[in-house]
Amino acid sequence: MNLTLVEWNIQDFFIHLAYPVSEHDIASLSNEHWSLLAKADQPLKALSKIREIAAVIRELDADILFLCEVGGLESLEAFNSIFLGDTYQPFLLDGNSNRGIESGFLVKRALGLTCKVKSHKDWPVPFEYPHEKDPISFRLAAEAATYYDLGKPGERRLSRDIPALYLSKG
């Protein structure tokens, strides 16, 4: 079996809709009208960009997509149903992102694959930043580090997940 695999950082891909919509509903919407459909907590990715991403995916006829910076499972499901005709099965596990951007997968339903996703968000990341070893030489980084709340070296976890997708036939 040959598969077309695509990895893509679709940057800040939020589709948190306050109202249910269909592909037909959005066919003639402008970016401005689309933005009015957003939930109050998060602006939507521009409709023109979403349409372009969907067009590339359809053109590539990708079997499996590995997508970075997805605004949660809600965004992935909305994208699949509204823009890709529900062709794919979405998979996404919440990671450690403080911005709500995660890594997700779209697997073509017609493949008939059984899929499991394993998270690695709790893997320890036991290292020290240069400013922790030498705060004098790296003064600016040391000052900025308090803003980013990097935690203690022994307690650090990945800021994003590195999910693994396991596939089997049938």
C-alpha atoms as a PDB file:
ATOM      1  CA  MET A   1       0.000   0.000   0.000  1.00  0.00           C
ATOM      2  CA  ASN A   2       1.412   3.381  -1.024  1.00  0.00           C
ATOM      3  CA  LEU A   3       0.345   6.385   1.018  1.00  0.00           C
ATOM      4  CA  THR A   4       0.685  10.099   0.451  1.00  0.00           C
ATOM      5  CA  LEU A   5       1.819  11.692   3.718  1.00  0.00           C
ATOM      6  CA  VAL A   6       1.840  15.449   4.247  1.00  0.00           C
ATOM      7  CA  GLU A   7       3.253  17.425   7.178  1.00  0.00           C
ATOM      8  CA  TRP A   8       2.241  21.071   7.429  1.00  0.00           C
ATOM      9  CA  ASN A   9       2.453  23.849   9.982  1.00  0.00           C
ATOM     10  CA  ILE A  10      -0.849  25.623   9.354  1.00  0.00           C
ATOM     11  CA  GLN A  11      -0.037  28.335  11.910  1.00  0.00           C
ATOM     12  CA  ASP A  12      -2.649  29.491  14.401  1.00  0.00           C
ATOM     13  CA  PHE A  13      -5.363  27.387  12.791  1.00  0.00           C
ATOM     14  CA  PHE A  14      -8.389  28.304  14.884  1.00  0.00           C
ATOM     15  CA  ILE A  15     -11.906  27.472  13.728  1.00  0.00           C
ATOM     16  CA  HIS A  16     -13.922  27.967  16.909  1.00  0.00           C
ATOM     17  CA  LEU A  17     -17.359  28.800  15.530  1.00  0.00           C
ATOM     18  CA  ALA A  18     -20.127  30.322  17.621  1.00  0.00           C
ATOM     19  CA  TYR A  19     -22.756  29.127  15.139  1.00  0.00           C
ATOM     20  CA  PRO A  20     -23.171  25.900  13.179  1.00  0.00           C
ATOM     21  CA  VAL A  21     -22.322  26.376   9.501  1.00  0.00           C
ATOM     22  CA  SER A  22     -22.011  24.171   6.442  1.00  0.00           C
ATOM     23  CA  GLU A  23     -19.892  24.324   3.316  1.00  0.00           C
ATOM     24  CA  HIS A  24     -22.916  25.799   1.536  1.00  0.00           C
ATOM     25  CA  ASP A  25     -23.293  28.529   4.196  1.00  0.00           C
ATOM     26  CA  ILE A  26     -19.767  29.835   3.743  1.00  0.00           C
ATOM     27  CA  ALA A  27     -19.538  29.578  -0.051  1.00  0.00           C
ATOM     28  CA  SER A  28     -20.050  33.302  -0.590  1.00  0.00           C
ATOM     29  CA  LEU A  29     -18.706  34.706   2.689  1.00  0.00           C
ATOM     30  CA  SER A  30     -15.926  37.276   2.800  1.00  0.00           C
ATOM     31  CA  ASN A  31     -13.123  37.167   5.381  1.00  0.00           C
ATOM     32  CA  GLU A  32     -14.907  39.939   7.274  1.00  0.00           C
ATOM     33  CA  HIS A  33     -18.236  38.089   7.431  1.00  0.00           C
ATOM     34  CA  TRP A  34     -16.451  34.848   8.345  1.00  0.00           C
ATOM     35  CA  SER A  35     -14.725  36.563  11.281  1.00  0.00           C
ATOM     36  CA  LEU A  36     -18.150  37.432  12.738  1.00  0.00           C
ATOM     37  CA  LEU A  37     -18.851  33.710  13.237  1.00  0.00           C
ATOM     38  CA  ALA A  38     -16.058  33.360  15.817  1.00  0.00           C
ATOM     39  CA  LYS A  39     -16.555  32.471  19.440  1.00  0.00           C
ATOM     40  CA  ALA A  40     -15.570  35.353  21.685  1.00  0.00           C
ATOM     41  CA  ASP A  41     -12.399  33.678  22.984  1.00  0.00           C
ATOM     42  CA  GLN A  42     -10.420  33.279  19.751  1.00  0.00           C
ATOM     43  CA  PRO A  43     -10.296  34.965  16.326  1.00  0.00           C
ATOM     44  CA  LEU A  44     -10.796  32.637  13.365  1.00  0.00           C
ATOM     45  CA  LYS A  45      -8.120  31.834  10.822  1.00  0.00           C
ATOM     46  CA  ALA A  46      -8.847  33.950   7.737  1.00  0.00           C
ATOM     47  CA  LEU A  47     -11.365  32.232   5.475  1.00  0.00           C
ATOM     48  CA  SER A  48      -9.225  32.868   2.392  1.00  0.00           C
ATOM     49  CA  LYS A  49      -6.294  31.048   4.022  1.00  0.00           C
ATOM     50  CA  ILE A  50      -8.468  28.128   5.125  1.00  0.00           C
ATOM     51  CA  ARG A  51      -9.808  27.792   1.583  1.00  0.00           C
ATOM     52  CA  GLU A  52      -6.250  27.790   0.208  1.00  0.00           C
ATOM     53  CA  ILE A  53      -5.133  25.121   2.692  1.00  0.00           C
ATOM     54  CA  ALA A  54      -8.148  22.962   1.806  1.00  0.00           C
ATOM     55  CA  ALA A  55      -7.462  23.391  -1.930  1.00  0.00           C
ATOM     56  CA  VAL A  56      -3.850  22.238  -1.522  1.00  0.00           C
ATOM     57  CA  ILE A  57      -4.950  19.199   0.499  1.00  0.00           C
ATOM     58  CA  ARG A  58      -7.511  18.254  -2.150  1.00  0.00           C
ATOM     59  CA  GLU A  59      -4.963  18.757  -4.942  1.00  0.00           C
ATOM     60  CA  LEU A  60      -2.384  16.576  -3.172  1.00  0.00           C
ATOM     61  CA  ASP A  61      -5.060  13.988  -2.419  1.00  0.00           C
ATOM     62  CA  ALA A  62      -3.193  13.347   0.822  1.00  0.00           C
ATOM     63  CA  ASP A  63      -3.942  10.112   2.641  1.00  0.00           C
ATOM     64  CA  ILE A  64      -2.591  11.219   6.002  1.00  0.00           C
ATOM     65  CA  LEU A  65      -1.878  14.757   7.158  1.00  0.00           C
ATOM     66  CA  PHE A  66       0.283  15.704  10.129  1.00  0.00           C
ATOM     67  CA  LEU A  67      -0.784  19.228  11.059  1.00  0.00           C
ATOM     68  CA  CYS A  68       0.983  21.596  13.454  1.00  0.00           C
ATOM     69  CA  GLU A  69      -0.453  24.618  15.287  1.00  0.00           C
ATOM     70  CA  VAL A  70      -4.058  23.423  15.140  1.00  0.00           C
ATOM     71  CA  GLY A  71      -6.420  25.192  17.542  1.00  0.00           C
ATOM     72  CA  GLY A  72      -7.666  21.983  19.138  1.00  0.00           C
ATOM     73  CA  LEU A  73      -9.868  19.100  18.044  1.00  0.00           C
ATOM     74  CA  GLU A  74     -12.816  21.460  17.530  1.00  0.00           C
ATOM     75  CA  SER A  75     -10.879  23.299  14.799  1.00  0.00           C
ATOM     76  CA  LEU A  76      -9.726  20.086  13.131  1.00  0.00           C
ATOM     77  CA  GLU A  77     -13.255  18.639  13.107  1.00  0.00           C
ATOM     78  CA  ALA A  78     -14.769  21.863  11.738  1.00  0.00           C
ATOM     79  CA  PHE A  79     -12.130  22.071   9.007  1.00  0.00           C
ATOM     80  CA  ASN A  80     -12.714  18.468   7.982  1.00  0.00           C
ATOM     81  CA  SER A  81     -16.505  18.705   7.906  1.00  0.00           C
ATOM     82  CA  ILE A  82     -16.908  22.176   6.371  1.00  0.00           C
ATOM     83  CA  PHE A  83     -13.942  22.359   3.995  1.00  0.00           C
ATOM     84  CA  LEU A  84     -12.970  18.752   3.212  1.00  0.00           C
ATOM     85  CA  GLY A  85     -16.370  17.073   2.940  1.00  0.00           C
ATOM     86  CA  ASP A  86     -15.739  14.887   6.004  1.00  0.00           C
ATOM     87  CA  THR A  87     -13.209  12.893   3.964  1.00  0.00           C
ATOM     88  CA  TYR A  88     -10.881  12.417   6.923  1.00  0.00           C
ATOM     89  CA  GLN A  89     -10.969  11.129  10.469  1.00  0.00           C
ATOM     90  CA  PRO A  90      -9.455  13.796  12.754  1.00  0.00           C
ATOM     91  CA  PHE A  91      -7.160  12.892  15.652  1.00  0.00           C
ATOM     92  CA  LEU A  92      -5.761  15.328  18.186  1.00  0.00           C
ATOM     93  CA  LEU A  93      -4.715  15.068  21.815  1.00  0.00           C
ATOM     94  CA  ASP A  94      -4.288  18.187  23.908  1.00  0.00           C
ATOM     95  CA  GLY A  95      -0.661  18.966  24.657  1.00  0.00           C
ATOM     96  CA  ASN A  96       1.001  21.536  26.892  1.00  0.00           C
ATOM     97  CA  SER A  97       0.542  24.608  24.711  1.00  0.00           C
ATOM     98  CA  ASN A  98      -0.411  27.704  26.645  1.00  0.00           C
ATOM     99  CA  ARG A  99      -1.864  29.102  23.384  1.00  0.00           C
ATOM    100  CA  GLY A 100      -4.068  26.118  22.558  1.00  0.00           C
ATOM    101  CA  ILE A 101      -2.129  25.152  19.445  1.00  0.00           C
ATOM    102  CA  GLU A 102      -1.574  21.442  19.095  1.00  0.00           C
ATOM    103  CA  SER A 103      -0.436  18.790  16.631  1.00  0.00           C
ATOM    104  CA  GLY A 104      -3.154  16.763  14.958  1.00  0.00           C
ATOM    105  CA  PHE A 105      -3.740  14.218  12.228  1.00  0.00           C
ATOM    106  CA  LEU A 106      -6.245  13.748   9.437  1.00  0.00           C
ATOM    107  CA  VAL A 107      -6.494  10.173   8.137  1.00  0.00           C
ATOM    108  CA  LYS A 108      -8.513   9.459   5.004  1.00  0.00           C
ATOM    109  CA  ARG A 109     -11.585   7.430   6.023  1.00  0.00           C
ATOM    110  CA  ALA A 110     -11.597   5.426   2.772  1.00  0.00           C
ATOM    111  CA  LEU A 111      -8.293   3.778   3.756  1.00  0.00           C
ATOM    112  CA  GLY A 112     -10.068   1.694   6.382  1.00  0.00           C
ATOM    113  CA  LEU A 113      -7.174   2.041   8.815  1.00  0.00           C
ATOM    114  CA  THR A 114      -7.399   1.615  12.555  1.00  0.00           C
ATOM    115  CA  CYS A 115      -5.614   4.531  14.181  1.00  0.00           C
ATOM    116  CA  LYS A 116      -4.331   5.210  17.663  1.00  0.00           C
ATOM    117  CA  VAL A 117      -2.586   8.333  18.871  1.00  0.00           C
ATOM    118  CA  LYS A 118      -0.074   8.324  21.696  1.00  0.00           C
ATOM    119  CA  SER A 119       0.877  11.529  23.481  1.00  0.00           C
ATOM    120  CA  HIS A 120       4.373  12.357  24.694  1.00  0.00           C
ATOM    121  CA  LYS A 121       3.446  15.648  26.354  1.00  0.00           C
ATOM    122  CA  ASP A 122       4.637  14.460  29.755  1.00  0.00           C
ATOM    123  CA  TRP A 123       8.120  13.459  28.654  1.00  0.00           C
ATOM    124  CA  PRO A 124      10.653  15.209  30.860  1.00  0.00           C
ATOM    125  CA  VAL A 125      12.904  17.754  29.200  1.00  0.00           C
ATOM    126  CA  PRO A 126      15.734  17.903  31.761  1.00  0.00           C
ATOM    127  CA  PHE A 127      18.088  20.532  30.437  1.00  0.00           C
ATOM    128  CA  GLU A 128      19.299  23.936  31.495  1.00  0.00           C
ATOM    129  CA  TYR A 129      19.117  27.032  29.348  1.00  0.00           C
ATOM    130  CA  PRO A 130      22.394  28.951  28.920  1.00  0.00           C
ATOM    131  CA  HIS A 131      21.099  31.783  31.099  1.00  0.00           C
ATOM    132  CA  GLU A 132      20.538  29.318  33.964  1.00  0.00           C
ATOM    133  CA  LYS A 133      24.157  28.206  33.848  1.00  0.00           C
ATOM    134  CA  ASP A 134      25.563  31.720  33.391  1.00  0.00           C
ATOM    135  CA  PRO A 135      23.012  34.446  34.248  1.00  0.00           C
ATOM    136  CA  ILE A 136      25.620  37.226  34.030  1.00  0.00           C
ATOM    137  CA  SER A 137      26.607  36.561  30.405  1.00  0.00           C
ATOM    138  CA  PHE A 138      23.010  35.882  29.410  1.00  0.00           C
ATOM    139  CA  ARG A 139      21.419  38.688  31.440  1.00  0.00           C
ATOM    140  CA  LEU A 140      18.710  39.597  28.907  1.00  0.00           C
ATOM    141  CA  ALA A 141      17.667  35.984  28.497  1.00  0.00           C
ATOM    142  CA  ALA A 142      17.591  35.553  32.275  1.00  0.00           C
ATOM    143  CA  GLU A 143      15.306  38.577  32.625  1.00  0.00           C
ATOM    144  CA  ALA A 144      13.017  37.355  29.835  1.00  0.00           C
ATOM    145  CA  ALA A 145      12.862  33.863  31.343  1.00  0.00           C
ATOM    146  CA  THR A 146      10.803  35.087  34.281  1.00  0.00           C
ATOM    147  CA  TYR A 147       8.168  36.249  31.801  1.00  0.00           C
ATOM    148  CA  TYR A 148       8.011  32.877  30.044  1.00  0.00           C
ATOM    149  CA  ASP A 149       7.834  30.820  33.259  1.00  0.00           C
ATOM    150  CA  LEU A 150      10.160  28.115  32.015  1.00  0.00           C
ATOM    151  CA  GLY A 151       9.929  26.142  35.247  1.00  0.00           C
ATOM    152  CA  LYS A 152      12.708  24.262  36.963  1.00  0.00           C
ATOM    153  CA  PRO A 153      14.978  22.074  34.802  1.00  0.00           C
ATOM    154  CA  GLY A 154      13.914  18.828  36.479  1.00  0.00           C
ATOM    155  CA  GLU A 155      10.195  19.622  36.121  1.00  0.00           C
ATOM    156  CA  ARG A 156      10.104  20.791  32.495  1.00  0.00           C
ATOM    157  CA  ARG A 157       7.871  19.162  29.925  1.00  0.00           C
ATOM    158  CA  LEU A 158       7.526  19.697  26.191  1.00  0.00           C
ATOM    159  CA  SER A 159       5.812  22.987  25.349  1.00  0.00           C
ATOM    160  CA  ARG A 160       4.002  21.127  22.563  1.00  0.00           C
ATOM    161  CA  ASP A 161       3.192  17.481  22.235  1.00  0.00           C
ATOM    162  CA  ILE A 162       5.057  15.138  19.914  1.00  0.00           C
ATOM    163  CA  PRO A 163       2.199  12.750  19.184  1.00  0.00           C
ATOM    164  CA  ALA A 164       2.717   9.412  17.494  1.00  0.00           C
ATOM    165  CA  LEU A 165       0.115   7.986  15.114  1.00  0.00           C
ATOM    166  CA  TYR A 166      -0.078   4.187  15.023  1.00  0.00           C
ATOM    167  CA  LEU A 167      -1.830   2.667  12.009  1.00  0.00           C
ATOM    168  CA  SER A 168      -3.030  -0.841  11.313  1.00  0.00           C
ATOM    169  CA  LYS A 169      -5.135  -2.298   8.537  1.00  0.00           C
ATOM    170  CA  GLY A 170      -8.722  -3.215   9.401  1.00  0.00           C
END
